[in-house]
Amino acid sequence: MHRAFALVTPLVLSTVVACQAPVAEQPHRAPAPVAPPAAPTALGVPVEERVTIPIESAKGPGDGEPADRSCDARLSCQGESCCKKLLVPGGSYRDEIAGSVAVEAFYLDKYELTVGRVRAWVKAGRPVPADGAVLGYDSGKRPVLWQKAFKVQSESKLKGWERYDTWQLDEDDLPKNFLDWYTAAAVCSFAGGRLPTDAEWRYAAVGGDEDRAFPWGAEEQTPERAVYNCLGDGDKSCSIHDILPVGSRPLGAGRWGHMDLAGSMFEWTLDAGGPGETVNRGGGFCYIGGMDRRAKHVRTKDNARHDAPSVVSHMVGARCAFDAPSDSPAVAAR
């Protein structure tokens, strides 16, 4: 099925000092045509110090769910594997600019990438795809290739701003933040998958042809449905305790059961948003539809950041996608 790239509505953002990280934030602007991510800035360690792995998408036992090297029996999220993957049947969604956007069936992690899964990647030697390996195909069906110049984060670089750094807490079921695009892509490759395309991510967020304003439906976001506006711990002040374990808001589940598509962390996608930019979506734990509580709410699929792939932020993490077998449902059931 053909997948068209949908242009992104730019957001106008204000500032909240309490949630502002000491990293360089890129300006939000309308994207140029999709292109492979630009070469990274000096981040991480030399390529020769890293292990190379092939791209794989092995089948898991029993139910056809893809296997995953980033999880073992100890990594539990909400009483099940942190690597649980849910099938997203093929179909289409409506974009205001591109019109009908078709998406093939794929698997998508139920939960965001956790600290525990990233630690498994580090323990394995921080493996990366082989030079020239196809990471996946973007929303315009163009291949996105791994380049040997890409540098993933070293273990020390995985530690972010202490005020909001989930890595330091040693809680495996927290979403991993301060994750750049290169590292997110490498972790998903290690897991046997890839980053979702921008079209796939938006399709899952709106529930396909149901065109939901939010993953759960038309109802406005509340603290019972999403982790946002620094309300995770019930206190209006911002702190690391506002970042909750993945899946803590089951009332916010999407059409196919995916958690935290709105709030918690913005999530990297495979697509570039313009020269030197990649796209991440969904809203962070500090906000969903704007930088502060006075801002207007924004539909989840339109809530995006356009950042250089080397940018790290307290509000940016990832979620992995996996190719579905050819006999998967072609169209989402109503």
Protein backbone atom coordinates (compact mmCIF):
# COMPACT_ATOMS: atom_id res chain seq x y z
CA MET A 1 0.00 0.00 0.00
CA HIS A 2 1.21 3.45 -0.76
CA ARG A 3 2.03 5.64 2.22
CA ALA A 4 1.98 9.36 1.70
CA PHE A 5 3.93 11.78 3.88
CA ALA A 6 1.70 14.20 5.73
CA LEU A 7 2.97 17.70 6.41
CA VAL A 8 2.94 18.87 10.00
CA THR A 9 1.12 21.79 11.53
CA PRO A 10 3.75 23.89 13.35
CA LEU A 11 3.17 24.69 17.00
CA VAL A 12 3.68 28.05 18.69
CA LEU A 13 5.30 27.41 22.04
CA SER A 14 5.71 29.56 25.12
CA THR A 15 8.12 28.94 27.98
CA VAL A 16 7.88 27.57 31.49
CA VAL A 17 11.06 27.97 33.50
CA ALA A 18 10.24 25.10 35.87
CA CYS A 19 10.23 22.60 33.01
CA GLN A 20 12.95 24.08 30.83
CA ALA A 21 16.02 21.88 30.35
CA PRO A 22 19.50 23.30 29.77
CA VAL A 23 19.73 21.89 26.24
CA ALA A 24 19.51 23.62 22.89
CA GLU A 25 15.91 23.42 21.70
CA GLN A 26 15.40 23.61 17.95
CA PRO A 27 12.76 26.00 16.55
CA HIS A 28 9.47 24.45 15.49
CA ARG A 29 8.81 25.08 11.83
CA ALA A 30 6.95 23.57 8.89
CA PRO A 31 8.88 20.64 7.41
CA ALA A 32 10.60 20.42 4.06
CA PRO A 33 10.28 17.23 1.98
CA VAL A 34 11.42 14.13 3.81
CA ALA A 35 15.12 13.35 3.60
CA PRO A 36 17.44 10.98 5.49
CA PRO A 37 18.67 12.43 8.79
CA ALA A 38 21.73 14.65 8.57
CA ALA A 39 25.12 13.61 9.89
CA PRO A 40 25.39 13.92 13.67
CA THR A 41 27.30 16.39 15.74
CA ALA A 42 30.14 15.12 17.92
CA LEU A 43 28.19 13.00 20.38
CA GLY A 44 28.95 9.64 21.92
CA VAL A 45 32.05 7.58 21.18
CA PRO A 46 34.05 6.64 18.06
CA VAL A 47 32.39 4.15 15.74
CA GLU A 48 35.21 1.63 16.07
CA GLU A 49 34.44 1.22 19.77
CA ARG A 50 30.96 -0.07 19.06
CA VAL A 51 29.66 -3.49 18.11
CA THR A 52 27.84 -3.93 14.80
CA ILE A 53 24.68 -6.02 14.50
CA PRO A 54 22.51 -6.88 11.51
CA ILE A 55 18.92 -5.69 11.16
CA GLU A 56 16.57 -8.51 12.14
CA SER A 57 12.85 -8.98 12.63
CA ALA A 58 12.58 -12.47 14.07
CA LYS A 59 9.25 -13.96 15.02
CA GLY A 60 8.46 -14.51 18.67
CA PRO A 61 7.05 -17.76 20.03
CA GLY A 62 3.41 -18.64 19.65
CA ASP A 63 1.42 -15.58 18.69
CA GLY A 64 3.57 -14.16 15.90
CA GLU A 65 4.66 -11.23 18.04
CA PRO A 66 8.19 -10.18 17.03
CA ALA A 67 11.06 -11.35 19.22
CA ASP A 68 12.96 -8.71 21.18
CA ARG A 69 16.52 -8.78 22.50
CA SER A 70 15.94 -5.76 24.75
CA CYS A 71 13.75 -7.61 27.26
CA ASP A 72 13.98 -10.57 29.57
CA ALA A 73 11.69 -11.99 32.23
CA ARG A 74 12.83 -9.43 34.79
CA LEU A 75 11.61 -6.42 32.82
CA SER A 76 7.99 -6.02 33.81
CA CYS A 77 5.70 -3.09 33.04
CA GLN A 78 2.19 -3.03 34.52
CA GLY A 79 2.39 -6.78 35.17
CA GLU A 80 3.53 -7.83 31.69
CA SER A 81 6.61 -7.61 29.49
CA CYS A 82 7.90 -4.09 28.85
CA CYS A 83 8.45 -5.33 25.28
CA LYS A 84 4.79 -6.19 24.66
CA LYS A 85 3.92 -5.45 21.02
CA LEU A 86 0.44 -4.88 19.65
CA LEU A 87 -0.61 -5.33 16.05
CA VAL A 88 -1.87 -2.22 14.28
CA PRO A 89 -4.01 -3.38 11.33
CA GLY A 90 -3.52 -1.62 8.02
CA GLY A 91 -5.84 1.17 6.94
CA SER A 92 -5.81 4.90 6.43
CA TYR A 93 -6.28 8.18 8.24
CA ARG A 94 -7.21 11.64 7.06
CA ASP A 95 -4.64 14.41 6.93
CA GLU A 96 -5.70 18.02 6.40
CA ILE A 97 -3.01 18.57 3.76
CA ALA A 98 -2.12 15.18 2.27
CA GLY A 99 -5.67 13.81 2.25
CA SER A 100 -6.06 10.08 2.80
CA VAL A 101 -2.82 8.51 4.07
CA ALA A 102 -2.59 4.72 3.73
CA VAL A 103 -0.60 2.66 6.24
CA GLU A 104 0.26 -1.02 6.07
CA ALA A 105 -0.16 -3.31 9.08
CA PHE A 106 2.68 -3.19 11.59
CA TYR A 107 3.50 -3.97 15.19
CA LEU A 108 4.04 -1.13 17.65
CA ASP A 109 5.40 -1.34 21.20
CA LYS A 110 2.58 -1.07 23.70
CA TYR A 111 4.89 0.97 25.94
CA GLU A 112 7.55 3.60 25.38
CA LEU A 113 11.20 2.54 25.49
CA THR A 114 12.06 2.05 29.14
CA VAL A 115 15.21 2.54 31.15
CA GLY A 116 15.49 -1.24 31.50
CA ARG A 117 15.41 -1.87 27.76
CA VAL A 118 18.06 0.76 27.09
CA ARG A 119 20.20 -0.75 29.86
CA ALA A 120 19.95 -4.12 28.06
CA TRP A 121 21.31 -2.44 24.92
CA VAL A 122 24.18 -0.92 26.93
CA LYS A 123 24.93 -4.29 28.53
CA ALA A 124 25.14 -5.82 25.04
CA GLY A 125 27.84 -3.31 24.10
CA ARG A 126 25.68 -0.56 22.57
CA PRO A 127 25.40 -2.36 19.20
CA VAL A 128 24.55 -0.42 16.04
CA PRO A 129 23.33 -1.49 12.59
CA ALA A 130 25.89 -2.21 9.88
CA ASP A 131 26.97 0.67 7.69
CA GLY A 132 24.42 1.09 4.90
CA ALA A 133 21.79 -1.07 6.60
CA VAL A 134 18.22 -0.08 5.82
CA LEU A 135 16.63 1.03 9.07
CA GLY A 136 13.23 1.18 7.42
CA TYR A 137 11.28 3.13 4.86
CA ASP A 138 9.91 6.56 5.70
CA SER A 139 6.37 7.75 5.07
CA GLY A 140 7.26 8.41 1.44
CA LYS A 141 8.61 4.82 1.08
CA ARG A 142 12.18 6.05 0.79
CA PRO A 143 14.87 3.98 2.53
CA VAL A 144 16.53 5.46 5.60
CA LEU A 145 20.06 4.08 5.86
CA TRP A 146 22.38 3.78 8.82
CA GLN A 147 25.69 5.54 8.23
CA LYS A 148 28.95 4.69 9.91
CA ALA A 149 29.32 8.38 10.82
CA PHE A 150 26.26 8.16 13.08
CA LYS A 151 27.28 8.16 16.74
CA VAL A 152 25.18 6.73 19.51
CA GLN A 153 25.34 7.99 23.06
CA SER A 154 27.93 6.59 25.43
CA GLU A 155 26.69 5.33 28.79
CA SER A 156 27.80 8.58 30.41
CA LYS A 157 25.93 10.59 27.78
CA LEU A 158 22.75 8.67 28.54
CA LYS A 159 22.66 10.57 31.81
CA GLY A 160 20.79 13.83 31.37
CA TRP A 161 19.87 16.86 33.42
CA GLU A 162 19.69 15.47 36.96
CA ARG A 163 16.45 17.26 37.75
CA TYR A 164 14.53 15.09 35.25
CA ASP A 165 16.89 12.21 34.39
CA THR A 166 15.13 8.83 34.61
CA TRP A 167 18.41 6.94 34.05
CA GLN A 168 19.67 7.87 37.52
CA LEU A 169 16.66 6.44 39.38
CA ASP A 170 17.43 2.81 38.52
CA GLU A 171 13.74 2.07 37.91
CA ASP A 172 13.50 -0.11 34.82
CA ASP A 173 9.85 0.65 34.04
CA LEU A 174 10.32 4.41 33.65
CA PRO A 175 10.44 5.84 30.13
CA LYS A 176 14.00 6.66 29.04
CA ASN A 177 14.39 10.35 28.27
CA PHE A 178 17.43 12.34 27.06
CA LEU A 179 17.60 9.92 24.12
CA ASP A 180 18.80 11.19 20.75
CA TRP A 181 17.56 9.90 17.38
CA TYR A 182 20.67 7.87 16.61
CA THR A 183 20.55 6.03 19.92
CA ALA A 184 16.80 5.45 19.69
CA ALA A 185 17.22 4.01 16.19
CA ALA A 186 20.07 1.75 17.37
CA VAL A 187 18.12 0.47 20.40
CA CYS A 188 15.10 -0.34 18.23
CA SER A 189 17.37 -2.12 15.75
CA PHE A 190 18.90 -4.12 18.60
CA ALA A 191 15.35 -5.02 19.68
CA GLY A 192 14.72 -6.41 16.20
CA GLY A 193 12.67 -3.47 14.96
CA ARG A 194 12.90 0.17 13.95
CA LEU A 195 11.45 3.54 14.75
CA PRO A 196 7.87 3.98 13.47
CA THR A 197 7.37 6.21 10.47
CA ASP A 198 5.66 9.52 11.05
CA ALA A 199 2.59 8.21 9.20
CA GLU A 200 2.50 5.02 11.30
CA TRP A 201 2.78 6.97 14.54
CA ARG A 202 -0.01 9.38 13.59
CA TYR A 203 -2.20 6.52 12.35
CA ALA A 204 -1.91 4.74 15.70
CA ALA A 205 -2.51 7.97 17.63
CA VAL A 206 -5.75 8.85 15.81
CA GLY A 207 -7.08 5.29 15.70
CA GLY A 208 -6.90 5.09 11.92
CA ASP A 209 -10.14 6.02 10.20
CA GLU A 210 -11.75 6.92 13.55
CA ASP A 211 -9.72 10.15 13.39
CA ARG A 212 -9.62 10.59 17.15
CA ALA A 213 -8.58 13.92 18.60
CA PHE A 214 -6.71 12.03 21.31
CA PRO A 215 -5.67 8.37 21.44
CA TRP A 216 -8.56 7.52 23.78
CA GLY A 217 -11.21 9.48 21.87
CA ALA A 218 -12.74 12.95 21.75
CA GLU A 219 -12.68 13.73 25.48
CA GLU A 220 -10.17 16.37 26.56
CA GLN A 221 -7.02 15.23 28.31
CA THR A 222 -7.16 14.86 32.07
CA PRO A 223 -4.58 13.59 34.61
CA GLU A 224 -6.46 10.28 34.61
CA ARG A 225 -5.79 9.79 30.89
CA ALA A 226 -2.31 11.23 30.34
CA VAL A 227 0.92 12.21 32.08
CA TYR A 228 1.22 15.93 31.31
CA ASN A 229 1.52 19.44 32.75
CA CYS A 230 3.70 18.21 35.63
CA LEU A 231 0.66 16.58 37.25
CA GLY A 232 2.05 13.05 37.44
CA ASP A 233 2.62 13.12 41.19
CA GLY A 234 -0.50 15.17 41.93
CA ASP A 235 1.50 18.30 42.70
CA LYS A 236 1.44 21.28 40.31
CA SER A 237 5.18 21.88 40.64
CA CYS A 238 7.50 20.15 38.16
CA SER A 239 9.86 17.43 39.33
CA ILE A 240 11.23 14.08 38.22
CA HIS A 241 8.40 12.44 40.16
CA ASP A 242 6.00 13.71 37.48
CA ILE A 243 7.52 11.11 35.13
CA LEU A 244 5.56 7.94 35.84
CA PRO A 245 6.17 4.28 34.94
CA VAL A 246 5.02 3.53 31.40
CA GLY A 247 1.36 2.57 31.11
CA SER A 248 0.33 4.31 34.33
CA ARG A 249 -2.73 5.87 32.67
CA PRO A 250 -4.75 2.94 31.20
CA LEU A 251 -7.74 5.21 30.54
CA GLY A 252 -5.53 6.91 27.93
CA ALA A 253 -4.98 3.78 25.84
CA GLY A 254 -5.32 4.15 22.09
CA ARG A 255 -7.67 2.25 19.81
CA TRP A 256 -5.35 -0.77 19.64
CA GLY A 257 -4.24 -0.63 23.28
CA HIS A 258 -1.05 1.43 23.08
CA MET A 259 -0.18 3.46 26.17
CA ASP A 260 1.14 7.01 26.56
CA LEU A 261 0.76 8.09 22.93
CA ALA A 262 -0.24 11.44 24.41
CA GLY A 263 1.91 12.81 27.20
CA SER A 264 4.80 11.19 29.09
CA MET A 265 7.43 11.55 26.34
CA PHE A 266 7.62 12.92 22.83
CA GLU A 267 8.66 9.97 20.67
CA TRP A 268 11.12 9.95 17.77
CA THR A 269 9.88 8.81 14.38
CA LEU A 270 11.87 7.51 11.42
CA ASP A 271 11.03 10.49 9.23
CA ALA A 272 13.05 13.62 8.73
CA GLY A 273 11.10 16.86 8.99
CA GLY A 274 13.47 18.93 6.88
CA PRO A 275 17.20 19.41 6.34
CA GLY A 276 18.99 18.33 9.50
CA GLU A 277 15.73 17.58 11.34
CA THR A 278 13.82 14.56 12.53
CA VAL A 279 10.29 14.48 13.91
CA ASN A 280 9.10 13.44 17.36
CA ARG A 281 5.48 13.43 18.47
CA GLY A 282 2.98 13.05 21.26
CA GLY A 283 3.64 15.60 24.01
CA GLY A 284 5.83 15.38 27.10
CA PHE A 285 5.18 15.03 30.81
CA CYS A 286 5.51 18.83 31.20
CA TYR A 287 2.87 19.62 28.58
CA ILE A 288 0.76 18.25 25.75
CA GLY A 289 -0.77 21.14 23.84
CA GLY A 290 1.63 23.95 24.69
CA MET A 291 4.43 24.79 27.09
CA ASP A 292 2.17 25.81 29.96
CA ARG A 293 -1.30 25.29 31.41
CA ARG A 294 -2.63 28.43 29.70
CA ALA A 295 -1.96 27.12 26.18
CA LYS A 296 -4.72 25.72 23.99
CA HIS A 297 -4.94 21.97 23.63
CA VAL A 298 -3.72 20.43 20.37
CA ARG A 299 -4.81 17.21 18.70
CA THR A 300 -2.26 14.52 19.48
CA LYS A 301 -1.30 13.87 15.87
CA ASP A 302 -0.47 17.55 15.37
CA ASN A 303 1.65 17.89 18.51
CA ALA A 304 5.20 17.63 17.22
CA ARG A 305 8.77 18.80 17.70
CA HIS A 306 11.29 19.13 14.89
CA ASP A 307 14.75 18.58 16.30
CA ALA A 308 18.22 17.83 15.03
CA PRO A 309 18.77 14.07 15.46
CA SER A 310 21.55 14.71 17.99
CA VAL A 311 19.29 16.75 20.29
CA VAL A 312 18.47 15.27 23.69
CA SER A 313 15.66 16.51 25.91
CA HIS A 314 14.03 15.66 29.21
CA MET A 315 10.77 15.24 27.29
CA VAL A 316 11.94 13.11 24.35
CA GLY A 317 12.09 9.31 24.28
CA ALA A 318 11.03 6.68 21.78
CA ARG A 319 8.87 3.67 20.95
CA CYS A 320 9.78 0.87 18.52
CA ALA A 321 7.86 -0.51 15.56
CA PHE A 322 8.17 -3.88 13.81
CA ASP A 323 7.18 -5.08 10.38
CA ALA A 324 4.13 -7.32 10.37
CA PRO A 325 3.94 -10.54 8.36
CA SER A 326 2.26 -10.30 4.98
CA ASP A 327 -0.80 -12.23 6.19
CA SER A 328 -1.64 -9.63 8.88
CA PRO A 329 -5.06 -7.92 8.67
CA ALA A 330 -4.97 -5.46 5.79
CA VAL A 331 -7.74 -3.25 7.12
CA ALA A 332 -8.60 -2.21 10.67
CA ALA A 333 -11.83 -3.73 11.97
CA ARG A 334 -14.53 -1.30 13.03
